Protein backbone atom coordinates (compact mmCIF):
# COMPACT_ATOMS: atom_id res chain seq x y z
CA MET A 1 129.55 76.79 88.77
CA LYS A 2 129.24 75.40 92.27
CA ASN A 3 129.62 78.60 93.79
CA ILE A 4 127.11 80.57 91.70
CA PHE A 5 124.24 78.43 92.85
CA LEU A 6 125.69 78.18 96.86
CA ILE A 7 124.44 81.85 96.01
CA LEU A 8 122.14 81.56 94.10
CA PHE A 9 120.64 79.60 96.62
CA LEU A 10 121.26 81.52 99.44
CA ILE A 11 120.16 84.92 98.05
CA LEU A 12 116.51 82.95 97.02
CA PHE A 13 116.29 81.49 100.62
CA THR A 14 117.40 84.85 102.62
CA PHE A 15 114.65 86.45 101.18
CA SER A 16 112.15 83.87 101.05
CA CYS A 17 112.42 83.64 105.02
CA VAL A 18 112.11 87.53 105.22
CA GLY A 19 109.65 87.70 102.37
CA THR A 20 106.76 86.87 104.60
CA SER A 21 106.54 89.13 106.41
CA SER A 22 107.46 92.03 104.48
CA VAL A 23 103.75 92.95 102.51
CA GLY A 24 103.38 96.01 101.78
CA ILE A 25 101.59 98.90 103.74
CA PHE A 26 97.86 97.98 102.52
CA GLY A 27 97.97 94.31 102.48
CA SER A 28 98.15 92.09 105.49
CA GLY A 29 100.59 90.99 107.87
CA VAL A 30 103.58 92.93 109.30
CA SER A 31 105.68 95.67 107.24
CA VAL A 32 109.49 95.83 107.94
CA ALA A 33 109.69 99.16 107.67
CA TYR A 34 107.33 98.93 111.20
CA ASP A 35 108.30 95.99 112.38
CA PRO A 36 110.59 96.63 115.68
CA ARG A 37 111.48 92.48 116.07
CA THR A 38 114.72 91.61 115.75
CA VAL A 39 115.43 90.25 111.84
CA GLY A 40 116.29 87.18 113.73
CA MET A 41 113.00 87.34 115.50
CA GLN A 42 111.78 87.97 112.16
CA ILE A 43 113.65 84.90 110.62
CA ASP A 44 112.40 82.30 113.77
CA ASP A 45 108.71 83.44 113.33
CA SER A 46 109.18 82.74 109.01
CA ILE A 47 110.90 79.72 109.44
CA MET A 48 108.25 78.38 111.89
CA GLN A 49 105.33 79.78 109.71
CA LYS A 50 107.02 77.73 106.58
CA SER A 51 107.29 74.53 108.68
CA LEU A 52 103.93 74.53 109.92
CA ILE A 53 102.36 75.32 106.18
CA GLY A 54 104.94 72.92 104.65
CA ARG A 55 103.28 70.30 107.48
CA LEU A 56 99.81 70.99 107.03
CA ALA A 57 100.37 70.67 102.72
CA LEU A 58 101.52 67.52 103.88
CA ASN A 59 98.58 66.75 105.23
CA ASP A 60 96.39 67.42 102.67
CA LYS A 61 96.72 69.87 100.01
CA LYS A 62 93.91 72.02 100.52
CA TYR A 63 94.85 73.70 103.99
CA ILE A 64 96.95 75.64 101.46
CA ILE A 65 94.42 77.48 100.37
CA ASP A 66 91.62 76.94 103.00
CA VAL A 67 94.15 77.43 106.18
CA ASN A 68 96.20 80.93 106.65
CA ALA A 69 99.14 80.66 109.76
CA LYS A 70 100.69 84.72 111.14
CA ILE A 71 103.59 83.63 113.44
CA LEU A 72 104.59 86.84 115.88
CA ASP A 73 107.15 86.19 118.72
CA GLY A 74 106.56 82.33 118.87
CA ASN A 75 103.17 83.23 119.40
CA ILE A 76 100.79 81.44 116.30
CA TYR A 77 97.18 82.58 114.85
CA LEU A 78 95.62 80.44 112.66
CA SER A 79 92.53 81.62 110.22
CA GLY A 80 90.51 79.99 108.03
CA LYS A 81 87.49 77.35 107.16
CA VAL A 82 87.62 73.46 107.48
CA GLY A 83 84.97 71.12 106.54
CA GLU A 84 84.90 69.13 109.97
CA PRO A 85 85.54 69.95 113.53
CA GLU A 86 87.84 67.44 113.87
CA GLU A 87 89.83 68.74 111.20
CA LYS A 88 90.56 72.08 113.03
CA LEU A 89 91.44 69.62 116.18
CA LYS A 90 94.26 68.26 113.69
CA ILE A 91 94.97 71.77 112.50
CA ILE A 92 95.60 73.62 115.98
CA LYS A 93 97.39 70.00 116.90
CA MET A 94 99.80 70.65 114.60
CA ALA A 95 100.37 74.26 115.35
CA TRP A 96 101.30 73.32 118.80
CA GLU A 97 103.83 70.57 117.41
CA THR A 98 105.53 73.21 115.85
CA LYS A 99 109.37 73.66 116.91
CA GLY A 100 109.94 77.13 119.57
CA VAL A 101 105.74 77.44 119.48
CA ARG A 102 104.79 79.66 122.59
CA SER A 103 100.66 79.91 121.89
CA VAL A 104 98.14 78.76 119.61
CA GLN A 105 95.06 81.18 119.28
CA SER A 106 92.54 80.11 116.05
CA THR A 107 90.07 81.10 114.92
CA ILE A 108 89.37 78.36 111.95
CA THR A 109 85.63 78.05 111.65
CA ILE A 110 83.59 75.09 110.11
CA LYS A 111 82.52 75.62 106.71
CA GLY A 112 78.60 76.13 106.79
CA LYS A 113 78.55 77.76 109.97
CA SER A 114 77.90 80.72 108.61
CA SER A 115 75.39 82.53 106.12
CA PHE A 116 76.20 84.50 103.41
CA LYS A 117 74.83 87.68 105.10
CA SER A 118 77.10 87.19 108.13
CA THR A 119 80.42 86.58 106.18
CA ALA A 120 79.38 89.98 104.24
CA LYS A 121 78.80 91.33 107.15
CA ASP A 122 82.53 90.37 108.85
CA ILE A 123 84.00 91.55 105.34
CA LEU A 124 82.65 95.14 106.22
CA ILE A 125 83.40 95.11 110.23
CA SER A 126 86.98 94.10 109.13
CA SER A 127 87.73 96.58 106.31
CA GLN A 128 86.20 99.48 108.40
CA LEU A 129 88.61 99.07 111.24
CA LYS A 130 91.22 98.23 109.13
CA THR A 131 90.17 101.70 107.08
CA ALA A 132 89.99 103.46 110.67
CA LEU A 133 93.79 101.95 111.66
CA ILE A 134 95.30 103.51 108.02
CA PHE A 135 93.98 107.16 108.54
CA ASN A 136 95.05 107.07 112.86
CA LYS A 137 97.90 109.04 112.93
CA LEU A 138 98.42 106.84 116.38
CA THR A 139 98.15 103.45 115.06
CA LYS A 140 100.10 101.12 112.39
CA ALA A 141 97.88 99.46 110.56
CA SER A 142 100.61 97.35 108.98
CA ASN A 143 101.27 95.97 111.87
CA TYR A 144 97.93 94.25 112.42
CA THR A 145 96.00 91.22 111.13
CA ILE A 146 92.55 91.77 111.53
CA ASP A 147 89.66 88.52 111.54
CA THR A 148 85.92 88.99 111.88
CA ILE A 149 83.89 85.97 112.40
CA ASN A 150 80.56 86.47 113.30
CA GLY A 151 81.04 89.84 114.42
CA LYS A 152 83.80 89.27 116.52
CA ILE A 153 87.06 90.53 115.79
CA TYR A 154 89.96 89.13 115.96
CA ILE A 155 93.07 91.68 116.22
CA PHE A 156 96.82 89.81 116.09
CA GLY A 157 99.95 92.36 115.97
CA ILE A 158 102.72 94.15 117.82
CA ALA A 159 101.82 97.86 119.34
CA MET A 160 104.46 99.96 119.96
CA THR A 161 102.92 101.77 123.34
CA LYS A 162 100.09 100.87 125.88
CA LYS A 163 98.70 104.33 124.18
CA GLU A 164 98.57 102.43 120.50
CA LYS A 165 97.00 99.05 122.04
CA GLU A 166 94.54 101.13 123.59
CA LYS A 167 93.88 103.25 120.61
CA VAL A 168 93.38 99.85 118.58
CA ILE A 169 90.62 98.81 121.03
CA SER A 170 88.91 101.96 121.04
CA GLU A 171 88.90 102.39 117.19
CA ALA A 172 87.41 98.42 116.87
CA ASN A 173 85.02 99.58 119.74
CA GLN A 174 83.35 102.00 117.80
CA ILE A 175 82.04 100.22 114.90
CA HIS A 176 78.06 99.14 114.16
CA GLY A 177 78.16 95.35 114.60
CA VAL A 178 80.91 94.30 116.66
CA GLU A 179 79.58 91.81 119.36
CA ASP A 180 82.90 91.18 120.99
CA ILE A 181 86.64 91.65 120.23
CA ILE A 182 89.35 89.27 120.91
CA PRO A 183 92.63 91.35 120.58
CA SER A 184 96.15 89.74 120.77
CA ILE A 185 97.88 92.43 121.26
CA TYR A 186 101.93 92.41 121.95
CA LEU A 187 103.53 95.60 123.48
CA VAL A 188 107.46 96.03 121.79
CA GLU A 189 108.57 95.59 125.74
CA GLU A 190 106.68 92.08 125.75
CA LEU A 191 108.33 90.32 122.67
CA SER A 192 110.56 87.23 123.94
CA ARG A 193 113.98 89.24 122.75
CA HIS A 194 113.45 92.17 124.10
CA LYS A 195 112.43 91.20 128.16
CA ASN A 196 115.29 91.75 130.06
């Protein structure tokens, strides 16, 4: 009986570790089918993500809904909205305290700092870029997370080649209403375990 519970626990633990990075092709995140990271790297990132989200939830349960954390090769990308600037700083500090972190990038905004019109415009810009990446044969859209805040596009992901990275930025530049593009696109050879 103990062995059955142990096997069930290991199966659940294994699927929960890899599950966060295996979102489908039309979802956000990095799809396992196109993910150039090793399984070990994916598990390390998943453990870091679960650790950070757990600590955020222990600090304040509203962060589970209000803050989104993506981790790629030890690089943490935070997005979402919080009520006060102090909360934003506290969340960034907690991200830096995560074991194994290499960098932290934040697009967390303060609630009330943007209007309904600008939010709708941001959603339209993100949707246009996601659609352009899906239909472009040179890009793997599922390898990118896109957030737009006040006309600024934040792109986070992995490019297989330098040409793909340039194409993603080029697609973003073609969208009307974009004020700035902040790419955090890593090439496969830039990932920590692919370096010589």
